[in-house]
Amino acid sequence: MAVGNYAEPVGESDNPKELLRVGDTTVRVEGELVPVVDIELGAQTSVYFEHHILLWKQPQVRLGFMGLQNAGKRFFAGLQIFISTAQGPGNIAMSREAPGQVVALKLRPGEMVDVREHQFLMATNNVGYDFYWQTGLANVFFSRSGLFIDRFAASTDEGLLLLHGYGNVFEKQLGPGEQLDVEPGAWLWKDASVRMDTVTVLQSGGGGGFMGALGALVGGASLMMNRFTGPGRLGLQSMTYHEPQAEGAQQAGGTSNIGGVLGGLFNQRQ
């Protein structure tokens, strides 16, 4: 649906139904409420994933560990420096064990996307995995999107990246200079070309001014929002993973407690 020149985010119709093929590996997404990624690994293509999401594997599938780029920086930031790998041939499956949808991104050589921490399911071995610090004090202390953002980039061959979005997933195509303000827990992924900043409800033209900010505070909504500026794609999720709050309490998107932000490094929700 479009209002004037504005096109609303489009909902992902469902988990991918078709088989996804990269090299000699085939990926199938199964289940509806809590999707499972079922992978038939060939002998040439390996995949990597976070340790705790493995569900099952055939005995002949070899598990290993892969060191991540910028391991020193990751170590001092409190991030994981190793990640699990699987080498076929054989069957392996994984799941985030949470309601949601799987997003399948086939990355062309040189293509880069940014993803929220701890929301990728798996990637093929020809997809590079790095991270970057959020810039700007407002982003670091108020956005509640995490201090770091994962960045995935395909190398010389097409790669496959699977993400888990909580609830339902939507996609918005932002034109050059087009902006969208998003609740901090609701964005899932974006093209690297999309810029993310943090603004207050007062700075957001449609926020209702002072009374809008007061209403957000009383209602327990976020006083801060992430502003995304195109061009590029932006993935949104309908179920944010802020901790539940009592009515009238300020939710995580609006907190400005530095200790809470830094504490997230050592007590991250998975």
Protein backbone atom coordinates (compact mmCIF):
# COMPACT_ATOMS: atom_id res chain seq x y z
CA MET A 1 0.00 0.00 0.00
CA ALA A 2 1.21 3.52 -0.80
CA VAL A 3 0.08 6.87 0.60
CA GLY A 4 1.18 9.63 -1.77
CA ASN A 5 4.77 8.83 -2.66
CA TYR A 6 5.28 6.75 0.48
CA ALA A 7 5.34 2.96 0.14
CA GLU A 8 4.74 1.02 3.36
CA PRO A 9 7.02 -1.84 4.46
CA VAL A 10 6.00 -5.10 2.80
CA GLY A 11 5.52 -8.21 4.93
CA GLU A 12 7.51 -11.36 4.19
CA SER A 13 4.86 -13.80 3.02
CA ASP A 14 6.29 -16.74 4.95
CA ASN A 15 9.45 -18.68 5.66
CA PRO A 16 11.17 -19.58 2.36
CA LYS A 17 9.34 -22.56 0.83
CA GLU A 18 11.70 -23.28 -2.03
CA LEU A 19 14.97 -25.14 -1.65
CA LEU A 20 17.95 -22.80 -1.33
CA ARG A 21 21.06 -24.00 -3.15
CA VAL A 22 24.62 -22.70 -2.86
CA GLY A 23 27.38 -24.79 -4.40
CA ASP A 24 26.80 -28.41 -3.43
CA THR A 25 24.70 -27.54 -0.36
CA THR A 26 20.90 -27.44 -0.13
CA VAL A 27 19.00 -25.59 2.60
CA ARG A 28 15.36 -26.17 3.54
CA VAL A 29 13.39 -24.07 6.07
CA GLU A 30 10.80 -26.17 7.91
CA GLY A 31 8.12 -25.44 10.50
CA GLU A 32 5.94 -22.39 10.97
CA LEU A 33 5.87 -21.04 14.53
CA VAL A 34 9.49 -21.86 15.43
CA PRO A 35 11.30 -22.44 12.11
CA VAL A 36 14.12 -24.93 11.70
CA VAL A 37 16.89 -24.63 9.12
CA ASP A 38 17.62 -28.10 7.70
CA ILE A 39 20.87 -28.29 5.71
CA GLU A 40 22.15 -31.02 3.39
CA LEU A 41 25.85 -30.31 3.26
CA GLY A 42 27.90 -31.34 0.29
CA ALA A 43 31.58 -32.16 0.54
CA GLN A 44 32.77 -28.76 -0.72
CA THR A 45 30.65 -26.14 1.07
CA SER A 46 30.83 -25.56 4.83
CA VAL A 47 28.64 -23.33 7.00
CA TYR A 48 29.13 -21.44 10.27
CA PHE A 49 26.69 -20.57 13.08
CA GLU A 50 26.52 -19.60 16.76
CA HIS A 51 27.25 -22.53 19.09
CA HIS A 52 23.97 -22.81 20.98
CA ILE A 53 21.51 -23.06 18.06
CA LEU A 54 22.46 -26.57 16.86
CA LEU A 55 19.54 -29.05 16.95
CA TRP A 56 20.88 -32.22 15.34
CA LYS A 57 23.42 -33.58 12.90
CA GLN A 58 24.46 -36.84 11.30
CA PRO A 59 27.55 -38.38 12.92
CA GLN A 60 29.70 -37.90 9.80
CA VAL A 61 29.19 -34.12 9.78
CA ARG A 62 32.37 -32.63 11.23
CA LEU A 63 32.02 -29.75 13.69
CA GLY A 64 34.79 -27.26 14.26
CA PHE A 65 35.54 -23.69 15.28
CA MET A 66 36.38 -20.65 13.20
CA GLY A 67 38.20 -17.59 14.49
CA LEU A 68 36.50 -14.32 13.60
CA GLN A 69 38.04 -11.22 12.08
CA ASN A 70 39.37 -8.58 14.48
CA ALA A 71 39.58 -11.17 17.27
CA GLY A 72 41.54 -8.81 19.52
CA LYS A 73 38.93 -6.07 19.27
CA ARG A 74 36.13 -8.58 19.79
CA PHE A 75 37.83 -10.00 22.89
CA PHE A 76 38.19 -6.62 24.59
CA ALA A 77 34.61 -5.74 23.59
CA GLY A 78 33.31 -8.86 25.34
CA LEU A 79 32.18 -10.50 22.08
CA GLN A 80 32.70 -14.09 21.00
CA ILE A 81 35.90 -14.67 19.05
CA PHE A 82 35.11 -18.19 17.84
CA ILE A 83 32.08 -19.56 16.05
CA SER A 84 30.96 -23.09 15.18
CA THR A 85 31.47 -24.59 11.72
CA ALA A 86 30.04 -27.69 10.03
CA GLN A 87 31.60 -29.62 7.13
CA GLY A 88 29.74 -32.30 5.17
CA PRO A 89 28.69 -34.39 3.55
CA GLY A 90 25.64 -34.96 5.73
CA ASN A 91 22.61 -33.42 7.39
CA ILE A 92 22.57 -30.76 10.11
CA ALA A 93 19.79 -28.58 11.53
CA MET A 94 19.59 -25.48 13.70
CA SER A 95 17.00 -23.14 15.22
CA ARG A 96 16.81 -20.01 17.38
CA GLU A 97 14.06 -21.76 19.42
CA ALA A 98 11.84 -18.67 19.30
CA PRO A 99 8.71 -17.69 17.34
CA GLY A 100 9.53 -15.89 14.14
CA GLN A 101 10.43 -16.00 10.48
CA VAL A 102 13.58 -16.90 8.63
CA VAL A 103 15.00 -14.39 6.16
CA ALA A 104 17.19 -15.81 3.38
CA LEU A 105 19.62 -13.35 1.79
CA LYS A 106 21.67 -14.41 -1.22
CA LEU A 107 24.61 -12.04 -1.27
CA ARG A 108 26.26 -11.21 -4.57
CA PRO A 109 30.05 -10.84 -4.67
CA GLY A 110 30.96 -7.61 -2.87
CA GLU A 111 27.47 -7.13 -1.38
CA MET A 112 27.33 -6.21 2.35
CA VAL A 113 24.51 -6.21 4.89
CA ASP A 114 24.35 -5.16 8.56
CA VAL A 115 22.49 -7.31 11.11
CA ARG A 116 21.53 -6.97 14.76
CA GLU A 117 23.73 -8.94 17.12
CA HIS A 118 22.72 -12.58 17.74
CA GLN A 119 20.07 -12.74 15.02
CA PHE A 120 21.90 -14.55 12.26
CA LEU A 121 21.26 -18.29 11.93
CA MET A 122 23.96 -19.44 9.58
CA ALA A 123 26.10 -18.41 6.63
CA THR A 124 28.07 -20.27 4.00
CA ASN A 125 31.84 -20.20 4.31
CA ASN A 126 32.28 -17.71 1.45
CA VAL A 127 30.47 -14.99 3.45
CA GLY A 128 32.77 -12.87 5.60
CA TYR A 129 31.67 -12.08 9.17
CA ASP A 130 32.84 -8.88 10.87
CA PHE A 131 31.42 -6.20 13.18
CA TYR A 132 31.63 -2.49 13.76
CA TRP A 133 31.02 -0.17 16.68
CA GLN A 134 28.07 2.14 16.53
CA THR A 135 29.23 5.72 16.07
CA GLY A 136 27.97 8.70 18.05
CA LEU A 137 27.23 8.88 21.77
CA ALA A 138 23.48 8.94 21.17
CA ASN A 139 23.65 5.64 19.29
CA VAL A 140 25.90 4.04 21.92
CA PHE A 141 24.00 5.05 25.05
CA PHE A 142 20.41 5.54 23.92
CA SER A 143 19.59 3.46 20.84
CA ARG A 144 19.37 0.13 22.74
CA SER A 145 20.25 -1.62 19.47
CA GLY A 146 23.44 -2.94 21.04
CA LEU A 147 26.89 -1.40 20.99
CA PHE A 148 27.92 -3.44 17.96
CA ILE A 149 26.43 -4.36 14.61
CA ASP A 150 27.34 -7.49 12.68
CA ARG A 151 28.42 -7.04 9.06
CA PHE A 152 28.34 -9.84 6.48
CA ALA A 153 29.91 -9.57 3.03
CA ALA A 154 30.15 -12.02 0.13
CA SER A 155 33.56 -12.64 -1.37
CA THR A 156 34.16 -13.67 -4.97
CA ASP A 157 31.20 -16.07 -5.14
CA GLU A 158 27.53 -15.81 -4.24
CA GLY A 159 26.91 -16.61 -0.57
CA LEU A 160 23.89 -17.43 1.57
CA LEU A 161 23.01 -15.74 4.86
CA LEU A 162 20.01 -16.78 6.98
CA LEU A 163 18.57 -14.57 9.73
CA HIS A 164 15.93 -15.17 12.40
CA GLY A 165 13.42 -12.36 12.82
CA TYR A 166 11.22 -12.37 15.93
CA GLY A 167 7.51 -12.32 15.13
CA ASN A 168 6.79 -11.33 11.53
CA VAL A 169 9.35 -9.75 9.22
CA PHE A 170 8.79 -6.80 6.90
CA GLU A 171 11.01 -5.12 4.32
CA LYS A 172 11.14 -1.45 3.39
CA GLN A 173 12.92 -0.19 0.28
CA LEU A 174 14.27 3.26 1.10
CA GLY A 175 14.94 5.65 -1.75
CA PRO A 176 17.92 8.07 -1.74
CA GLY A 177 17.48 10.38 1.25
CA GLU A 178 14.21 8.71 2.31
CA GLN A 179 13.93 8.21 6.07
CA LEU A 180 12.06 5.95 8.46
CA ASP A 181 12.01 6.16 12.27
CA VAL A 182 11.93 2.72 13.90
CA GLU A 183 11.50 1.58 17.50
CA PRO A 184 15.00 0.47 18.57
CA GLY A 185 14.09 -3.19 19.05
CA ALA A 186 12.25 -3.51 15.74
CA TRP A 187 14.95 -3.37 13.09
CA LEU A 188 16.54 -6.64 11.98
CA TRP A 189 18.92 -5.96 9.08
CA LYS A 190 19.82 -3.32 6.52
CA ASP A 191 21.93 -2.83 3.45
CA ALA A 192 25.31 -1.31 4.32
CA SER A 193 24.29 1.75 2.28
CA VAL A 194 21.51 2.62 4.76
CA ARG A 195 22.63 5.02 7.52
CA MET A 196 21.35 4.60 11.07
CA ASP A 197 21.14 7.48 13.58
CA THR A 198 19.37 7.94 16.90
CA VAL A 199 16.75 10.65 17.44
CA THR A 200 14.41 11.55 20.28
CA VAL A 201 10.64 11.59 19.97
CA LEU A 202 10.91 15.39 20.18
CA GLN A 203 13.22 15.40 17.15
CA SER A 204 10.88 13.16 15.17
CA GLY A 205 8.52 15.47 13.28
CA GLY A 206 5.56 13.15 13.79
CA GLY A 207 6.28 12.55 17.48
CA GLY A 208 3.70 15.04 18.78
CA GLY A 209 6.19 17.43 20.36
CA PHE A 210 6.39 17.68 24.16
CA MET A 211 2.99 16.09 24.70
CA GLY A 212 3.97 13.22 22.44
CA ALA A 213 7.13 12.65 24.46
CA LEU A 214 5.14 12.83 27.70
CA GLY A 215 2.64 10.34 26.32
CA ALA A 216 5.47 7.98 25.37
CA LEU A 217 6.91 8.23 28.88
CA VAL A 218 3.58 7.59 30.61
CA GLY A 219 2.71 4.76 28.23
CA GLY A 220 6.05 3.02 28.71
CA ALA A 221 7.10 3.55 25.07
CA SER A 222 10.54 4.41 23.79
CA LEU A 223 11.68 8.04 23.94
CA MET A 224 14.47 7.26 21.46
CA MET A 225 14.13 5.95 17.94
CA ASN A 226 16.54 4.74 15.28
CA ARG A 227 16.34 6.83 12.12
CA PHE A 228 17.31 5.04 8.91
CA THR A 229 18.21 6.97 5.77
CA GLY A 230 18.32 5.41 2.30
CA PRO A 231 19.12 4.31 -0.26
CA GLY A 232 18.78 0.60 0.41
CA ARG A 233 16.70 -2.12 2.01
CA LEU A 234 15.66 -2.22 5.66
CA GLY A 235 14.35 -5.34 7.42
CA LEU A 236 11.90 -4.92 10.32
CA GLN A 237 10.57 -7.40 12.89
CA SER A 238 7.21 -7.16 14.63
CA MET A 239 8.35 -8.74 17.92
CA THR A 240 11.02 -6.72 19.68
CA TYR A 241 13.04 -8.43 22.36
CA HIS A 242 12.98 -5.81 25.07
CA GLU A 243 12.37 -7.26 28.52
CA PRO A 244 8.70 -6.93 29.61
CA GLN A 245 8.01 -3.81 31.67
CA ALA A 246 5.21 -2.90 34.05
CA GLU A 247 2.65 -0.40 32.73
CA GLY A 248 3.98 3.13 33.07
CA ALA A 249 7.60 2.03 33.27
CA GLN A 250 10.04 3.34 30.70
CA GLN A 251 10.97 0.55 28.32
CA ALA A 252 14.47 -0.37 27.23
CA GLY A 253 14.28 1.79 24.13
CA GLY A 254 14.08 4.90 26.29
CA THR A 255 16.53 4.12 29.06
CA SER A 256 19.74 6.08 29.32
CA ASN A 257 21.46 4.06 32.03
CA ILE A 258 25.09 3.64 31.00
CA GLY A 259 25.53 0.69 33.32
CA GLY A 260 22.65 -1.08 31.63
CA VAL A 261 24.25 -0.63 28.24
CA LEU A 262 27.65 -1.84 29.36
CA GLY A 263 26.05 -4.66 31.31
CA GLY A 264 24.50 -5.86 28.07
CA LEU A 265 27.96 -6.86 26.92
CA PHE A 266 28.06 -9.56 29.57
CA ASN A 267 24.38 -10.45 29.83
CA GLN A 268 23.19 -10.46 26.24
CA ARG A 269 19.90 -12.04 25.30
CA GLN A 270 20.35 -14.69 22.69
